[in-house]
Amino acid sequence: MPRKVLPYKYSMPDNSLKDREVIIEFHPVGSSVRVSAFDVISMTEIVIQGPVGTPERLLERNALNRLAFVLRKKGILT
């Protein structure tokens, strides 16, 4: 199955990723989906996994929330 790549600028409700370019990739692996989110500016990547039946929007939101958390922890976001 081909991977899906969604490059775009994403603004979360709290605007933590505002004006940051994030690349989202979805990779089906057996009965789960591997979702990676990559912040282009800081070159930070996170990976989460979820069941194949999970809505794509939910996986995307969870990946972006995790990326924002990691960027805050590194001191890149305030």
PDB file of N, CA and C in Angstrom:
ATOM      1  N   MET A   1       0.841  -1.175   0.000  1.00  0.00           N
ATOM      2  CA  MET A   1       0.000   0.000   0.000  1.00  0.00           C
ATOM      3  C   MET A   1       0.886   1.239   0.000  1.00  0.00           C
ATOM      4  N   PRO A   2       0.635   2.209  -0.873  1.00  0.00           N
ATOM      5  CA  PRO A   2       1.482   3.400  -0.905  1.00  0.00           C
ATOM      6  C   PRO A   2       1.253   4.282   0.316  1.00  0.00           C
ATOM      7  N   ARG A   3       2.285   4.978   0.694  1.00  0.00           N
ATOM      8  CA  ARG A   3       2.170   5.873   1.842  1.00  0.00           C
ATOM      9  C   ARG A   3       1.484   7.169   1.421  1.00  0.00           C
ATOM     10  N   LYS A   4       0.923   7.850   2.378  1.00  0.00           N
ATOM     11  CA  LYS A   4       0.245   9.116   2.117  1.00  0.00           C
ATOM     12  C   LYS A   4       1.057  10.214   2.789  1.00  0.00           C
ATOM     13  N   VAL A   5       1.446  11.213   2.036  1.00  0.00           N
ATOM     14  CA  VAL A   5       2.231  12.317   2.568  1.00  0.00           C
ATOM     15  C   VAL A   5       1.390  13.584   2.475  1.00  0.00           C
ATOM     16  N   LEU A   6       1.244  14.283   3.595  1.00  0.00           N
ATOM     17  CA  LEU A   6       0.439  15.491   3.640  1.00  0.00           C
ATOM     18  C   LEU A   6       1.267  16.667   4.155  1.00  0.00           C
ATOM     19  N   PRO A   7       2.026  17.350   3.300  1.00  0.00           N
ATOM     20  CA  PRO A   7       2.745  18.534   3.786  1.00  0.00           C
ATOM     21  C   PRO A   7       1.801  19.733   3.844  1.00  0.00           C
ATOM     22  N   TYR A   8       1.798  20.439   4.924  1.00  0.00           N
ATOM     23  CA  TYR A   8       0.980  21.633   5.052  1.00  0.00           C
ATOM     24  C   TYR A   8       1.355  22.365   6.318  1.00  0.00           C
ATOM     25  N   LYS A   9       0.934  23.610   6.416  1.00  0.00           N
ATOM     26  CA  LYS A   9       1.105  24.360   7.659  1.00  0.00           C
ATOM     27  C   LYS A   9      -0.139  24.114   8.482  1.00  0.00           C
ATOM     28  N   TYR A  10       0.020  23.660   9.675  1.00  0.00           N
ATOM     29  CA  TYR A  10      -1.093  23.264  10.516  1.00  0.00           C
ATOM     30  C   TYR A  10      -1.192  24.179  11.714  1.00  0.00           C
ATOM     31  N   SER A  11      -2.363  24.648  11.995  1.00  0.00           N
ATOM     32  CA  SER A  11      -2.578  25.483  13.153  1.00  0.00           C
ATOM     33  C   SER A  11      -3.487  24.754  14.126  1.00  0.00           C
ATOM     34  N   MET A  12      -2.958  24.404  15.276  1.00  0.00           N
ATOM     35  CA  MET A  12      -3.739  23.710  16.287  1.00  0.00           C
ATOM     36  C   MET A  12      -4.595  24.734  17.023  1.00  0.00           C
ATOM     37  N   PRO A  13      -5.617  24.277  17.742  1.00  0.00           N
ATOM     38  CA  PRO A  13      -6.476  25.209  18.460  1.00  0.00           C
ATOM     39  C   PRO A  13      -5.701  26.167  19.368  1.00  0.00           C
ATOM     40  N   ASP A  14      -4.621  25.715  19.988  1.00  0.00           N
ATOM     41  CA  ASP A  14      -3.847  26.602  20.852  1.00  0.00           C
ATOM     42  C   ASP A  14      -2.722  27.306  20.083  1.00  0.00           C
ATOM     43  N   ASN A  15      -2.697  27.147  18.756  1.00  0.00           N
ATOM     44  CA  ASN A  15      -1.726  27.790  17.874  1.00  0.00           C
ATOM     45  C   ASN A  15      -0.282  27.429  18.188  1.00  0.00           C
ATOM     46  N   SER A  16      -0.037  26.295  18.845  1.00  0.00           N
ATOM     47  CA  SER A  16       1.322  25.940  19.205  1.00  0.00           C
ATOM     48  C   SER A  16       2.189  25.616  17.985  1.00  0.00           C
ATOM     49  N   LEU A  17       1.582  25.140  16.905  1.00  0.00           N
ATOM     50  CA  LEU A  17       2.356  24.830  15.697  1.00  0.00           C
ATOM     51  C   LEU A  17       2.078  25.831  14.573  1.00  0.00           C
ATOM     52  N   LYS A  18       1.565  26.992  14.935  1.00  0.00           N
ATOM     53  CA  LYS A  18       1.254  28.014  13.936  1.00  0.00           C
ATOM     54  C   LYS A  18       2.531  28.438  13.211  1.00  0.00           C
ATOM     55  N   ASP A  19       2.424  28.586  11.910  1.00  0.00           N
ATOM     56  CA  ASP A  19       3.529  29.011  11.055  1.00  0.00           C
ATOM     57  C   ASP A  19       4.697  28.032  11.039  1.00  0.00           C
ATOM     58  N   ARG A  20       4.432  26.775  11.343  1.00  0.00           N
ATOM     59  CA  ARG A  20       5.472  25.749  11.249  1.00  0.00           C
ATOM     60  C   ARG A  20       5.034  24.746  10.192  1.00  0.00           C
ATOM     61  N   GLU A  21       5.966  24.334   9.355  1.00  0.00           N
ATOM     62  CA  GLU A  21       5.649  23.349   8.330  1.00  0.00           C
ATOM     63  C   GLU A  21       5.831  21.954   8.921  1.00  0.00           C
ATOM     64  N   VAL A  22       4.778  21.154   8.835  1.00  0.00           N
ATOM     65  CA  VAL A  22       4.794  19.798   9.384  1.00  0.00           C
ATOM     66  C   VAL A  22       4.451  18.828   8.269  1.00  0.00           C
ATOM     67  N   ILE A  23       5.220  17.759   8.158  1.00  0.00           N
ATOM     68  CA  ILE A  23       4.955  16.711   7.181  1.00  0.00           C
ATOM     69  C   ILE A  23       4.402  15.509   7.938  1.00  0.00           C
ATOM     70  N   ILE A  24       3.248  15.012   7.492  1.00  0.00           N
ATOM     71  CA  ILE A  24       2.591  13.865   8.115  1.00  0.00           C
ATOM     72  C   ILE A  24       2.650  12.700   7.142  1.00  0.00           C
ATOM     73  N   GLU A  25       3.048  11.521   7.626  1.00  0.00           N
ATOM     74  CA  GLU A  25       3.077  10.317   6.787  1.00  0.00           C
ATOM     75  C   GLU A  25       2.296   9.211   7.488  1.00  0.00           C
ATOM     76  N   PHE A  26       1.534   8.460   6.695  1.00  0.00           N
ATOM     77  CA  PHE A  26       0.787   7.313   7.199  1.00  0.00           C
ATOM     78  C   PHE A  26       1.329   6.059   6.506  1.00  0.00           C
ATOM     79  N   HIS A  27       1.756   5.068   7.310  1.00  0.00           N
ATOM     80  CA  HIS A  27       2.281   3.811   6.778  1.00  0.00           C
ATOM     81  C   HIS A  27       1.501   2.650   7.399  1.00  0.00           C
ATOM     82  N   PRO A  28       0.677   1.946   6.627  1.00  0.00           N
ATOM     83  CA  PRO A  28       0.012   0.767   7.177  1.00  0.00           C
ATOM     84  C   PRO A  28       1.033  -0.347   7.424  1.00  0.00           C
ATOM     85  N   VAL A  29       0.976  -0.936   8.603  1.00  0.00           N
ATOM     86  CA  VAL A  29       1.873  -2.043   8.957  1.00  0.00           C
ATOM     87  C   VAL A  29       1.013  -3.127   9.603  1.00  0.00           C
ATOM     88  N   GLY A  30       0.616  -4.119   8.815  1.00  0.00           N
ATOM     89  CA  GLY A  30      -0.245  -5.179   9.345  1.00  0.00           C
ATOM     90  C   GLY A  30      -1.582  -4.614   9.794  1.00  0.00           C
ATOM     91  N   SER A  31      -1.911  -4.839  11.068  1.00  0.00           N
ATOM     92  CA  SER A  31      -3.196  -4.379  11.591  1.00  0.00           C
ATOM     93  C   SER A  31      -3.090  -3.013  12.262  1.00  0.00           C
ATOM     94  N   SER A  32      -1.976  -2.310  12.048  1.00  0.00           N
ATOM     95  CA  SER A  32      -1.824  -0.975  12.633  1.00  0.00           C
ATOM     96  C   SER A  32      -1.322   0.006  11.578  1.00  0.00           C
ATOM     97  N   VAL A  33      -1.390   1.267  11.926  1.00  0.00           N
ATOM     98  CA  VAL A  33      -0.906   2.338  11.047  1.00  0.00           C
ATOM     99  C   VAL A  33       0.173   3.095  11.802  1.00  0.00           C
ATOM    100  N   ARG A  34       1.308   3.271  11.155  1.00  0.00           N
ATOM    101  CA  ARG A  34       2.406   4.041  11.729  1.00  0.00           C
ATOM    102  C   ARG A  34       2.288   5.459  11.197  1.00  0.00           C
ATOM    103  N   VAL A  35       2.180   6.435  12.096  1.00  0.00           N
ATOM    104  CA  VAL A  35       2.026   7.834  11.701  1.00  0.00           C
ATOM    105  C   VAL A  35       3.242   8.596  12.187  1.00  0.00           C
ATOM    106  N   SER A  36       3.924   9.269  11.266  1.00  0.00           N
ATOM    107  CA  SER A  36       5.060  10.090  11.670  1.00  0.00           C
ATOM    108  C   SER A  36       4.747  11.547  11.341  1.00  0.00           C
ATOM    109  N   ALA A  37       5.173  12.423  12.232  1.00  0.00           N
ATOM    110  CA  ALA A  37       5.021  13.869  12.044  1.00  0.00           C
ATOM    111  C   ALA A  37       6.412  14.477  12.153  1.00  0.00           C
ATOM    112  N   PHE A  38       6.775  15.275  11.163  1.00  0.00           N
ATOM    113  CA  PHE A  38       8.117  15.835  11.066  1.00  0.00           C
ATOM    114  C   PHE A  38       8.023  17.352  10.990  1.00  0.00           C
ATOM    115  N   ASP A  39       8.651  18.038  11.945  1.00  0.00           N
ATOM    116  CA  ASP A  39       8.716  19.496  11.932  1.00  0.00           C
ATOM    117  C   ASP A  39       9.924  19.900  11.111  1.00  0.00           C
ATOM    118  N   VAL A  40       9.686  20.572   9.992  1.00  0.00           N
ATOM    119  CA  VAL A  40      10.751  20.908   9.043  1.00  0.00           C
ATOM    120  C   VAL A  40      11.750  21.901   9.629  1.00  0.00           C
ATOM    121  N   ILE A  41      11.285  22.872  10.403  1.00  0.00           N
ATOM    122  CA  ILE A  41      12.172  23.913  10.927  1.00  0.00           C
ATOM    123  C   ILE A  41      13.198  23.332  11.901  1.00  0.00           C
ATOM    124  N   SER A  42      12.741  22.526  12.866  1.00  0.00           N
ATOM    125  CA  SER A  42      13.651  21.982  13.884  1.00  0.00           C
ATOM    126  C   SER A  42      14.185  20.599  13.531  1.00  0.00           C
ATOM    127  N   MET A  43      13.663  20.015  12.438  1.00  0.00           N
ATOM    128  CA  MET A  43      14.032  18.652  12.030  1.00  0.00           C
ATOM    129  C   MET A  43      13.752  17.638  13.139  1.00  0.00           C
ATOM    130  N   THR A  44      12.631  17.810  13.817  1.00  0.00           N
ATOM    131  CA  THR A  44      12.207  16.905  14.878  1.00  0.00           C
ATOM    132  C   THR A  44      11.115  15.996  14.337  1.00  0.00           C
ATOM    133  N   GLU A  45      11.237  14.697  14.609  1.00  0.00           N
ATOM    134  CA  GLU A  45      10.252  13.732  14.145  1.00  0.00           C
ATOM    135  C   GLU A  45       9.719  12.928  15.318  1.00  0.00           C
ATOM    136  N   ILE A  46       8.419  12.666  15.297  1.00  0.00           N
ATOM    137  CA  ILE A  46       7.815  11.759  16.273  1.00  0.00           C
ATOM    138  C   ILE A  46       7.072  10.677  15.487  1.00  0.00           C
ATOM    139  N   VAL A  47       6.834   9.547  16.146  1.00  0.00           N
ATOM    140  CA  VAL A  47       6.104   8.447  15.531  1.00  0.00           C
ATOM    141  C   VAL A  47       5.093   7.924  16.539  1.00  0.00           C
ATOM    142  N   ILE A  48       3.862   7.724  16.079  1.00  0.00           N
ATOM    143  CA  ILE A  48       2.845   7.066  16.891  1.00  0.00           C
ATOM    144  C   ILE A  48       2.265   5.916  16.075  1.00  0.00           C
ATOM    145  N   GLN A  49       1.544   5.023  16.739  1.00  0.00           N
ATOM    146  CA  GLN A  49       0.871   3.928  16.052  1.00  0.00           C
ATOM    147  C   GLN A  49      -0.561   3.841  16.527  1.00  0.00           C
ATOM    148  N   GLY A  50      -1.426   3.358  15.651  1.00  0.00           N
ATOM    149  CA  GLY A  50      -2.820   3.161  16.004  1.00  0.00           C
ATOM    150  C   GLY A  50      -3.411   2.046  15.171  1.00  0.00           C
ATOM    151  N   PRO A  51      -4.586   1.544  15.564  1.00  0.00           N
ATOM    152  CA  PRO A  51      -5.251   0.488  14.793  1.00  0.00           C
ATOM    153  C   PRO A  51      -5.648   0.977  13.398  1.00  0.00           C
ATOM    154  N   VAL A  52      -5.698   0.058  12.451  1.00  0.00           N
ATOM    155  CA  VAL A  52      -6.033   0.396  11.070  1.00  0.00           C
ATOM    156  C   VAL A  52      -7.402   1.082  10.973  1.00  0.00           C
ATOM    157  N   GLY A  53      -8.355   0.707  11.779  1.00  0.00           N
ATOM    158  CA  GLY A  53      -9.700   1.263  11.697  1.00  0.00           C
ATOM    159  C   GLY A  53      -9.871   2.646  12.295  1.00  0.00           C
ATOM    160  N   THR A  54      -8.839   3.193  12.908  1.00  0.00           N
ATOM    161  CA  THR A  54      -8.924   4.516  13.530  1.00  0.00           C
ATOM    162  C   THR A  54      -9.033   5.591  12.452  1.00  0.00           C
ATOM    163  N   PRO A  55      -9.942   6.556  12.616  1.00  0.00           N
ATOM    164  CA  PRO A  55     -10.048   7.624  11.616  1.00  0.00           C
ATOM    165  C   PRO A  55      -8.724   8.368  11.441  1.00  0.00           C
ATOM    166  N   GLU A  56      -8.402   8.661  10.194  1.00  0.00           N
ATOM    167  CA  GLU A  56      -7.130   9.312   9.865  1.00  0.00           C
ATOM    168  C   GLU A  56      -6.990  10.652  10.584  1.00  0.00           C
ATOM    169  N   ARG A  57      -8.064  11.392  10.683  1.00  0.00           N
ATOM    170  CA  ARG A  57      -8.025  12.705  11.337  1.00  0.00           C
ATOM    171  C   ARG A  57      -7.643  12.587  12.812  1.00  0.00           C
ATOM    172  N   LEU A  58      -8.111  11.534  13.481  1.00  0.00           N
ATOM    173  CA  LEU A  58      -7.771  11.310  14.891  1.00  0.00           C
ATOM    174  C   LEU A  58      -6.291  10.977  15.049  1.00  0.00           C
ATOM    175  N   LEU A  59      -5.779  10.114  14.180  1.00  0.00           N
ATOM    176  CA  LEU A  59      -4.348   9.774  14.225  1.00  0.00           C
ATOM    177  C   LEU A  59      -3.495  11.011  13.949  1.00  0.00           C
ATOM    178  N   GLU A  60      -3.931  11.815  12.990  1.00  0.00           N
ATOM    179  CA  GLU A  60      -3.207  13.038  12.646  1.00  0.00           C
ATOM    180  C   GLU A  60      -3.187  14.003  13.836  1.00  0.00           C
ATOM    181  N   ARG A  61      -4.329  14.180  14.474  1.00  0.00           N
ATOM    182  CA  ARG A  61      -4.407  15.087  15.625  1.00  0.00           C
ATOM    183  C   ARG A  61      -3.506  14.606  16.758  1.00  0.00           C
ATOM    184  N   ASN A  62      -3.528  13.293  17.032  1.00  0.00           N
ATOM    185  CA  ASN A  62      -2.690  12.749  18.096  1.00  0.00           C
ATOM    186  C   ASN A  62      -1.205  12.914  17.786  1.00  0.00           C
ATOM    187  N   ALA A  63      -0.826  12.722  16.523  1.00  0.00           N
ATOM    188  CA  ALA A  63       0.578  12.891  16.130  1.00  0.00           C
ATOM    189  C   ALA A  63       1.006  14.354  16.296  1.00  0.00           C
ATOM    190  N   LEU A  64       0.145  15.282  15.901  1.00  0.00           N
ATOM    191  CA  LEU A  64       0.482  16.700  16.029  1.00  0.00           C
ATOM    192  C   LEU A  64       0.541  17.136  17.488  1.00  0.00           C
ATOM    193  N   ASN A  65      -0.345  16.594  18.324  1.00  0.00           N
ATOM    194  CA  ASN A  65      -0.289  16.894  19.759  1.00  0.00           C
ATOM    195  C   ASN A  65       1.022  16.390  20.357  1.00  0.00           C
ATOM    196  N   ARG A  66       1.427  15.195  19.966  1.00  0.00           N
ATOM    197  CA  ARG A  66       2.681  14.632  20.472  1.00  0.00           C
ATOM    198  C   ARG A  66       3.877  15.458  19.985  1.00  0.00           C
ATOM    199  N   LEU A  67       3.864  15.872  18.719  1.00  0.00           N
ATOM    200  CA  LEU A  67       4.944  16.695  18.191  1.00  0.00           C
ATOM    201  C   LEU A  67       5.037  18.011  18.956  1.00  0.00           C
ATOM    202  N   ALA A  68       3.907  18.647  19.216  1.00  0.00           N
ATOM    203  CA  ALA A  68       3.908  19.897  19.980  1.00  0.00           C
ATOM    204  C   ALA A  68       4.469  19.666  21.381  1.00  0.00           C
ATOM    205  N   PHE A  69       4.115  18.546  22.012  1.00  0.00           N
ATOM    206  CA  PHE A  69       4.629  18.210  23.338  1.00  0.00           C
ATOM    207  C   PHE A  69       6.149  18.077  23.313  1.00  0.00           C
ATOM    208  N   VAL A  70       6.670  17.353  22.329  1.00  0.00           N
ATOM    209  CA  VAL A  70       8.121  17.138  22.226  1.00  0.00           C
ATOM    210  C   VAL A  70       8.839  18.449  21.955  1.00  0.00           C
ATOM    211  N   LEU A  71       8.282  19.287  21.095  1.00  0.00           N
ATOM    212  CA  LEU A  71       8.909  20.573  20.802  1.00  0.00           C
ATOM    213  C   LEU A  71       8.910  21.479  22.038  1.00  0.00           C
ATOM    214  N   ARG A  72       7.841  21.433  22.836  1.00  0.00           N
ATOM    215  CA  ARG A  72       7.816  22.207  24.084  1.00  0.00           C
ATOM    216  C   ARG A  72       8.855  21.680  25.055  1.00  0.00           C
ATOM    217  N   LYS A  73       8.969  20.367  25.139  1.00  0.00           N
ATOM    218  CA  LYS A  73       9.934  19.751  26.057  1.00  0.00           C
ATOM    219  C   LYS A  73      11.377  20.117  25.684  1.00  0.00           C
ATOM    220  N   LYS A  74      11.641  20.230  24.387  1.00  0.00           N
ATOM    221  CA  LYS A  74      12.976  20.620  23.923  1.00  0.00           C
ATOM    222  C   LYS A  74      13.214  22.123  24.042  1.00  0.00           C
ATOM    223  N   GLY A  75      12.179  22.879  24.371  1.00  0.00           N
ATOM    224  CA  GLY A  75      12.313  24.325  24.496  1.00  0.00           C
ATOM    225  C   GLY A  75      12.192  25.065  23.178  1.00  0.00           C
ATOM    226  N   ILE A  76      11.751  24.391  22.133  1.00  0.00           N
ATOM    227  CA  ILE A  76      11.606  25.006  20.827  1.00  0.00           C
ATOM    228  C   ILE A  76      10.309  25.813  20.756  1.00  0.00           C
ATOM    229  N   LEU A  77       9.258  25.295  21.375  1.00  0.00           N
ATOM    230  CA  LEU A  77       7.990  26.011  21.484  1.00  0.00           C
ATOM    231  C   LEU A  77       7.819  26.507  22.897  1.00  0.00           C
ATOM    232  N   THR A  78       7.086  27.577  23.037  1.00  0.00           N
ATOM    233  CA  THR A  78       6.823  28.103  24.389  1.00  0.00           C
ATOM    234  C   THR A  78       5.400  27.849  24.789  1.00  0.00           C
TER     235      THR A  78
END
